[in-house]
Structures are given as structure tokens and as C-alpha cells.
């Protein structure tokens, strides 16, 4: 439980830094077509996040340890991505940081990516212990992005 709390606190501190602090180094603007693409990527991240939450339903928890009554979810968006909530957050935050041309927000996003990588690794170790099919699921499904099918 100690690691669970540490991951969640770190994650939320990074969210607070991302959304609460801004140190603009310079002001520049993207051409409008780049802005439209970035807004589309932000929206895609939000959709991925939404379906990740929707598909988890009552299994949803901010902690990496699965709930005691949880079931393995490998349908819906989880058929393609093992951690769509993390993927949606990272994709949206990265695109928004680029949209704002914020080096600080890009740095926070990169740090969060590392934190979520280790959090998901810890979570997967626990899911492997709980669900016998999880190892096969990992082989066929990407962590944050879909795997290329051969």
C-alpha cells in the first residue's frame, strides 16, 4: 500500500505543477493548421481517457493495486491498450504543452511519463499475480499505444 500512495501522490503533484505553474520562456505562435492538429490530438487523448474510465467501470481506482473484487478487463479500448487512462492523460498533456510552446509543461509531461511507466509496471506485476491470463494479454497489447499487428 505504501507504493500505491507514493505513486498517486507523485502523480498528483506533477498534475498540480503542470496545471498550476507556468514560466513562459518566450512567446511564439503556431500556424493555425498546427493548432488544429494539436487540438485534435488533445481531443483524441480525452476520448482515450474517457473510454478507459468507462470500460474499467467499478474496477477503477487511482492506486496501482487492483481492488479485491476486480475482474480482468481486456475488451473495449483495453483490447488495444493496457493503460488507456495513462495514455490519454499523457497524449493530451503533451499536445497541450506543444500547443502552448511550454518547455516546462513538456518537462513535467516527460517526468509524468516515467512515473506512469513505473506505476504501470508495478500494477502489471500485481495483475500478473492475480490473473493467470494477464501475461498473454501483455504479449498481444501495448502498454500505452497499440501494438503493431503482424
Protein backbone atom coordinates (compact mmCIF):
# COMPACT_ATOMS: atom_id res chain seq x y z
CA UNK A 1 0.00 0.00 0.00
CA UNK A 2 2.99 2.30 0.59
CA UNK A 3 4.00 2.21 -3.11
CA UNK A 4 0.37 2.80 -4.12
CA UNK A 5 0.21 6.03 -2.14
CA UNK A 6 3.65 7.17 -3.29
CA UNK A 7 2.74 6.73 -6.98
CA UNK A 8 -0.59 8.56 -6.61
CA UNK A 9 0.89 11.46 -4.61
CA UNK A 10 3.74 11.87 -7.13
CA UNK A 11 1.28 11.74 -10.00
CA UNK A 12 -0.98 14.40 -8.47
CA UNK A 13 1.95 16.66 -7.55
CA UNK A 14 3.01 16.54 -11.21
CA UNK A 15 -0.57 17.38 -12.27
CA UNK A 16 -0.53 20.33 -9.86
CA UNK A 17 2.79 21.56 -11.27
CA UNK A 18 1.56 21.13 -14.84
CA UNK A 19 -1.71 22.99 -14.36
CA UNK A 20 -0.66 25.40 -11.62
CA UNK A 21 2.71 26.75 -12.69
CA UNK A 22 3.76 28.45 -15.89
CA UNK A 23 7.09 30.01 -16.68
CA UNK A 24 6.92 31.21 -20.25
CA UNK A 25 10.41 31.44 -21.68
CA UNK A 26 9.30 33.09 -24.87
CA UNK A 27 6.15 33.84 -26.77
CA UNK A 28 5.60 32.28 -30.15
CA UNK A 29 2.61 31.11 -32.07
CA UNK A 30 1.91 28.11 -34.24
CA UNK A 31 0.29 28.39 -37.65
CA UNK A 32 -3.45 27.76 -37.35
CA UNK A 33 -3.24 24.35 -39.08
CA UNK A 34 -0.75 23.15 -36.43
CA UNK A 35 -3.10 24.40 -33.70
CA UNK A 36 -5.97 22.43 -35.22
CA UNK A 37 -3.89 19.25 -35.32
CA UNK A 38 -2.78 19.72 -31.70
CA UNK A 39 -6.35 20.39 -30.57
CA UNK A 40 -7.33 17.17 -32.37
CA UNK A 41 -4.60 15.25 -30.52
CA UNK A 42 -5.77 16.74 -27.21
CA UNK A 43 -9.34 15.64 -28.02
CA UNK A 44 -8.12 12.16 -29.00
CA UNK A 45 -6.33 11.85 -25.66
CA UNK A 46 -9.50 12.87 -23.82
CA UNK A 47 -11.54 10.29 -25.78
CA UNK A 48 -8.99 7.55 -24.99
CA UNK A 49 -9.07 8.58 -21.31
CA UNK A 50 -12.90 8.58 -21.30
CA UNK A 51 -13.18 5.09 -22.80
CA UNK A 52 -10.51 3.80 -20.40
CA UNK A 53 -12.57 5.03 -17.44
CA UNK A 54 -15.84 3.81 -18.98
CA UNK A 55 -14.51 0.30 -19.69
CA UNK A 56 -12.99 -0.10 -16.21
CA UNK A 57 -16.29 0.82 -14.57
CA UNK A 58 -16.30 -0.43 -10.95
CA UNK A 59 -12.68 -1.66 -11.27
CA UNK A 60 -11.50 1.97 -11.41
CA UNK A 61 -9.07 3.06 -8.71
CA UNK A 62 -6.26 5.65 -8.66
CA UNK A 63 -3.99 3.10 -6.99
CA UNK A 64 -1.96 0.51 -8.90
CA UNK A 65 -3.16 -2.31 -6.65
CA UNK A 66 -6.31 -3.87 -8.12
CA UNK A 67 -9.46 -3.86 -5.99
CA UNK A 68 -10.13 -7.10 -4.13
CA UNK A 69 -13.27 -7.77 -6.20
CA UNK A 70 -11.79 -6.68 -9.54
CA UNK A 71 -12.04 -8.55 -12.80
CA UNK A 72 -9.61 -8.55 -15.71
CA UNK A 73 -10.71 -6.17 -18.45
CA UNK A 74 -9.42 -6.93 -21.95
CA UNK A 75 -12.29 -5.66 -24.08
CA UNK A 76 -13.25 -2.24 -25.40
CA UNK A 77 -10.25 0.07 -25.57
CA UNK A 78 -8.35 -2.39 -23.35
CA UNK A 79 -8.28 -4.73 -26.34
CA UNK A 80 -5.70 -2.35 -27.87
CA UNK A 81 -4.03 -0.54 -24.93
CA UNK A 82 -3.32 -1.91 -21.44
CA UNK A 83 -3.28 1.53 -19.80
CA UNK A 84 -5.54 3.84 -21.84
CA UNK A 85 -6.17 6.22 -18.95
CA UNK A 86 -2.44 6.91 -18.62
CA UNK A 87 -2.10 7.07 -22.42
CA UNK A 88 -4.94 9.57 -22.74
CA UNK A 89 -3.52 11.76 -19.99
CA UNK A 90 -0.02 11.73 -21.49
CA UNK A 91 -1.20 12.35 -25.04
CA UNK A 92 -3.40 15.29 -24.03
CA UNK A 93 -0.78 16.83 -21.76
CA UNK A 94 1.96 16.50 -24.37
CA UNK A 95 -0.18 18.04 -27.13
CA UNK A 96 -1.31 20.88 -24.86
CA UNK A 97 2.29 21.61 -23.83
CA UNK A 98 3.31 21.76 -27.50
CA UNK A 99 0.26 23.92 -28.28
CA UNK A 100 1.36 26.40 -25.60
CA UNK A 101 5.02 26.02 -26.59
CA UNK A 102 5.76 25.37 -22.92
CA UNK A 103 9.09 23.72 -22.21
CA UNK A 104 8.10 23.48 -18.54
CA UNK A 105 4.88 21.58 -19.33
CA UNK A 106 6.78 19.28 -21.71
CA UNK A 107 9.31 18.55 -18.96
CA UNK A 108 6.55 17.81 -16.43
CA UNK A 109 4.86 15.54 -19.00
CA UNK A 110 8.13 13.67 -19.58
CA UNK A 111 8.59 13.17 -15.83
CA UNK A 112 4.97 12.03 -15.51
CA UNK A 113 5.57 9.56 -18.37
CA UNK A 114 8.42 8.00 -16.37
CA UNK A 115 6.30 7.91 -13.20
CA UNK A 116 3.37 6.29 -15.04
CA UNK A 117 5.72 3.79 -16.69
CA UNK A 118 6.95 2.61 -13.28
CA UNK A 119 3.45 2.78 -11.79
CA UNK A 120 2.09 0.64 -14.65
CA UNK A 121 5.00 -1.83 -14.27
CA UNK A 122 4.17 -2.21 -10.58
CA UNK A 123 0.47 -2.54 -11.41
CA UNK A 124 1.19 -5.20 -14.04
CA UNK A 125 3.25 -7.22 -11.61
CA UNK A 126 0.23 -7.26 -9.27
CA UNK A 127 -2.18 -8.07 -12.12
CA UNK A 128 0.08 -10.96 -13.22
CA UNK A 129 -0.18 -12.40 -9.71
CA UNK A 130 -3.95 -12.08 -9.68
CA UNK A 131 -4.96 -13.08 -13.23
CA UNK A 132 -3.46 -16.11 -14.99
CA UNK A 133 -4.32 -14.71 -18.46
CA UNK A 134 -2.64 -11.35 -17.90
CA UNK A 135 0.78 -12.43 -19.22
CA UNK A 136 -0.77 -13.47 -22.56
CA UNK A 137 -2.75 -10.21 -22.62
CA UNK A 138 0.52 -8.27 -22.19
CA UNK A 139 2.05 -10.05 -25.18
CA UNK A 140 -0.76 -9.00 -27.51
CA UNK A 141 -1.50 -5.49 -26.21
CA UNK A 142 0.68 -2.37 -26.00
CA UNK A 143 1.27 -0.57 -22.71
CA UNK A 144 0.39 3.00 -23.76
CA UNK A 145 -0.03 2.59 -27.52
CA UNK A 146 -1.47 -0.24 -29.62
CA UNK A 147 1.00 -2.89 -30.75
CA UNK A 148 1.56 -3.39 -34.43
CA UNK A 149 -0.21 -6.49 -35.59
CA UNK A 150 1.81 -8.74 -37.87
